[in-house]
Amino acid sequence: MMRKRLISTIEEQVLAHDDRWIDIQKAAVVEVSSEEKDFPIDSALLPGEGEGWRAAKPGSQTVRLMFDQPQELRRIVLVFEEKDIPRTQEFVLRWSPNGGHSFQQIVRQQWNFSPPETVSEREEYEVELSHVTILELKITPDISGGIARAALKSLRLS
């Protein structure tokens, strides 16, 4: 069972034989600002678990992985989908080496969803991060402040 706390259709690329996905279920507590009942965060973090995560309400949302033991990260793969609402999304991915006392930004990026033509975004980052105690993803689903809700198809780490 995924350990989590509430706070206020792309195929996965096959990893090279020496890469391993981190088992987030065993390695971290997950904090999420909200989640729709039928789209829990578990389905974005565990392979083959479903349709991904979706926020219960519009507006900016946070997904935070709080690792039990500091991690070394080499690869981060994010997949977002939006099949209904044209919008410009922004996300910020950042990490902390000291339990959240300070954070360092990995990436800040915007993406335009234009269904039905452009419905998915896949981002893959090769990183060299040591002693990661927290990985945090902040999603602003519509930078113009519309009614869109944040969603994450999958997040994988190695």
Protein backbone atom coordinates (compact mmCIF):
# COMPACT_ATOMS: atom_id res chain seq x y z
CA MET A 1 0.00 0.00 0.00
CA MET A 2 1.36 3.43 -0.98
CA ARG A 3 2.18 5.57 2.05
CA LYS A 4 0.76 9.02 1.40
CA ARG A 5 -0.57 12.16 3.03
CA LEU A 6 -2.82 14.92 1.73
CA ILE A 7 -1.38 18.43 1.91
CA SER A 8 -3.54 21.90 2.03
CA THR A 9 -1.36 6.62 -22.80
CA ILE A 10 2.31 6.67 -23.38
CA GLU A 11 4.37 3.49 -23.20
CA GLU A 12 7.29 3.52 -20.80
CA GLN A 13 10.67 3.52 -22.47
CA VAL A 14 12.58 0.37 -21.58
CA LEU A 15 15.52 1.02 -19.29
CA ALA A 16 19.00 -0.15 -20.13
CA HIS A 17 19.83 -3.34 -18.26
CA ASP A 18 21.94 -1.53 -15.66
CA ASP A 19 19.22 1.00 -14.72
CA ARG A 20 16.58 0.22 -12.10
CA TRP A 21 13.46 2.17 -11.22
CA ILE A 22 13.30 3.18 -7.58
CA ASP A 23 10.42 1.44 -5.80
CA ILE A 24 8.77 4.60 -4.48
CA GLN A 25 6.27 2.56 -2.50
CA LYS A 26 9.11 1.18 -0.37
CA ALA A 27 11.47 4.16 -0.48
CA ALA A 28 9.33 7.20 0.33
CA VAL A 29 6.32 8.76 1.95
CA VAL A 30 4.27 10.65 -0.64
CA GLU A 31 2.60 13.96 0.15
CA VAL A 32 0.05 15.34 -2.27
CA SER A 33 -1.97 18.55 -2.06
CA SER A 34 -5.15 16.86 -3.31
CA GLU A 35 -6.26 13.86 -5.31
CA GLU A 36 -9.42 12.80 -7.08
CA LYS A 37 -10.78 9.57 -5.59
CA ASP A 38 -10.61 7.60 -8.86
CA PHE A 39 -7.14 8.97 -9.80
CA PRO A 40 -4.89 8.48 -6.74
CA ILE A 41 -1.20 9.35 -6.75
CA ASP A 42 -0.40 5.63 -6.48
CA SER A 43 -1.39 5.11 -10.11
CA ALA A 44 1.21 7.65 -11.29
CA LEU A 45 4.04 6.32 -9.13
CA LEU A 46 3.60 2.56 -9.45
CA PRO A 47 4.08 0.87 -12.84
CA GLY A 48 0.89 -0.56 -14.34
CA GLU A 49 -1.36 0.88 -11.65
CA GLY A 50 -3.90 2.80 -13.74
CA GLU A 51 -4.67 6.10 -15.39
CA GLY A 52 -2.39 8.30 -13.33
CA TRP A 53 -3.03 10.98 -10.71
CA ARG A 54 -5.42 13.91 -10.95
CA ALA A 55 -5.99 16.73 -8.48
CA ALA A 56 -9.39 17.03 -6.83
CA LYS A 57 -9.55 20.77 -7.55
CA PRO A 58 -8.21 23.35 -10.01
CA GLY A 59 -5.11 25.40 -9.26
CA SER A 60 -1.50 24.72 -8.42
CA GLN A 61 -0.74 21.36 -6.83
CA THR A 62 2.24 19.70 -5.16
CA VAL A 63 3.48 16.13 -5.22
CA ARG A 64 6.31 15.56 -2.74
CA LEU A 65 8.38 12.40 -2.27
CA MET A 66 10.00 12.26 1.16
CA PHE A 67 12.61 9.52 1.06
CA ASP A 68 13.23 7.28 4.07
CA GLN A 69 16.94 7.19 3.19
CA PRO A 70 18.82 9.71 1.02
CA GLN A 71 18.75 8.66 -2.64
CA GLU A 72 21.04 9.06 -5.60
CA LEU A 73 19.05 10.01 -8.70
CA ARG A 74 20.35 9.56 -12.23
CA ARG A 75 17.18 9.72 -14.28
CA ILE A 76 13.76 11.34 -13.86
CA VAL A 77 10.91 10.62 -16.28
CA LEU A 78 7.65 12.59 -16.16
CA VAL A 79 4.59 12.00 -18.34
CA PHE A 80 1.62 14.37 -18.41
CA GLU A 81 -1.64 13.95 -20.38
CA GLU A 82 -4.50 16.31 -21.17
CA LYS A 83 -7.19 15.05 -23.54
CA ASP A 84 -9.90 17.65 -22.94
CA ILE A 85 -8.84 21.23 -22.19
CA PRO A 86 -6.42 23.35 -24.25
CA ARG A 87 -4.08 25.02 -21.77
CA THR A 88 -0.52 26.02 -20.96
CA GLN A 89 0.86 24.13 -17.99
CA GLU A 90 3.94 24.96 -15.98
CA PHE A 91 5.78 22.62 -13.68
CA VAL A 92 8.75 23.00 -11.38
CA LEU A 93 10.81 20.03 -10.27
CA ARG A 94 13.16 20.58 -7.34
CA TRP A 95 15.03 18.61 -4.72
CA SER A 96 16.38 18.94 -1.21
CA PRO A 97 19.50 17.35 0.27
CA ASN A 98 18.55 18.30 3.84
CA GLY A 99 14.95 17.35 4.56
CA GLY A 100 13.44 20.50 3.07
CA HIS A 101 15.58 23.19 4.74
CA SER A 102 16.71 24.25 1.28
CA PHE A 103 15.76 23.29 -2.28
CA GLN A 104 17.55 23.34 -5.61
CA GLN A 105 15.60 23.63 -8.85
CA ILE A 106 16.10 20.92 -11.45
CA VAL A 107 13.80 22.34 -14.12
CA ARG A 108 10.96 24.82 -14.69
CA GLN A 109 9.06 24.23 -17.89
CA GLN A 110 5.88 25.20 -19.70
CA TRP A 111 3.98 23.04 -22.16
CA ASN A 112 0.98 23.78 -24.42
CA PHE A 113 -1.70 21.11 -24.56
CA SER A 114 -3.92 21.45 -27.64
CA PRO A 115 -6.32 18.49 -27.74
CA PRO A 116 -6.86 16.50 -29.85
CA GLU A 117 -3.49 17.11 -31.58
CA THR A 118 -1.17 17.60 -28.61
CA VAL A 119 -2.35 15.61 -25.61
CA SER A 120 0.82 14.33 -23.96
CA GLU A 121 4.15 15.58 -22.71
CA ARG A 122 7.04 13.30 -21.81
CA GLU A 123 10.12 14.73 -20.16
CA GLU A 124 13.25 12.77 -19.36
CA TYR A 125 16.11 14.26 -17.38
CA GLU A 126 19.54 12.75 -16.89
CA VAL A 127 20.78 14.07 -13.54
CA GLU A 128 23.53 13.45 -11.03
CA LEU A 129 21.93 14.13 -7.67
CA SER A 130 23.31 12.72 -4.42
CA HIS A 131 21.73 12.64 -0.97
CA VAL A 132 18.22 13.48 -2.20
CA THR A 133 15.90 13.54 0.81
CA ILE A 134 12.92 15.22 -0.90
CA LEU A 135 11.85 15.45 -4.54
CA GLU A 136 9.06 17.93 -5.17
CA LEU A 137 6.91 18.52 -8.25
CA LYS A 138 4.76 21.66 -8.36
CA ILE A 139 2.25 21.82 -11.19
CA THR A 140 0.31 24.88 -12.31
CA PRO A 141 -2.16 23.24 -14.70
CA ASP A 142 -3.21 26.46 -16.44
CA ILE A 143 -1.01 29.53 -16.16
CA SER A 144 -3.97 31.69 -17.20
CA GLY A 145 -5.88 30.54 -14.10
CA GLY A 146 -8.50 28.41 -15.84
CA ILE A 147 -10.47 25.47 -14.46
CA ALA A 148 -8.01 22.75 -15.48
CA ARG A 149 -6.84 20.33 -12.82
CA ALA A 150 -3.28 19.12 -12.49
CA ALA A 151 -2.66 15.56 -13.68
CA LEU A 152 0.36 13.29 -13.87
CA LYS A 153 0.33 10.11 -15.94
CA SER A 154 3.58 8.79 -14.47
CA LEU A 155 6.74 9.66 -12.57
CA ARG A 156 9.68 7.24 -12.60
CA LEU A 157 13.08 7.60 -10.96
CA SER A 158 16.32 5.71 -11.25
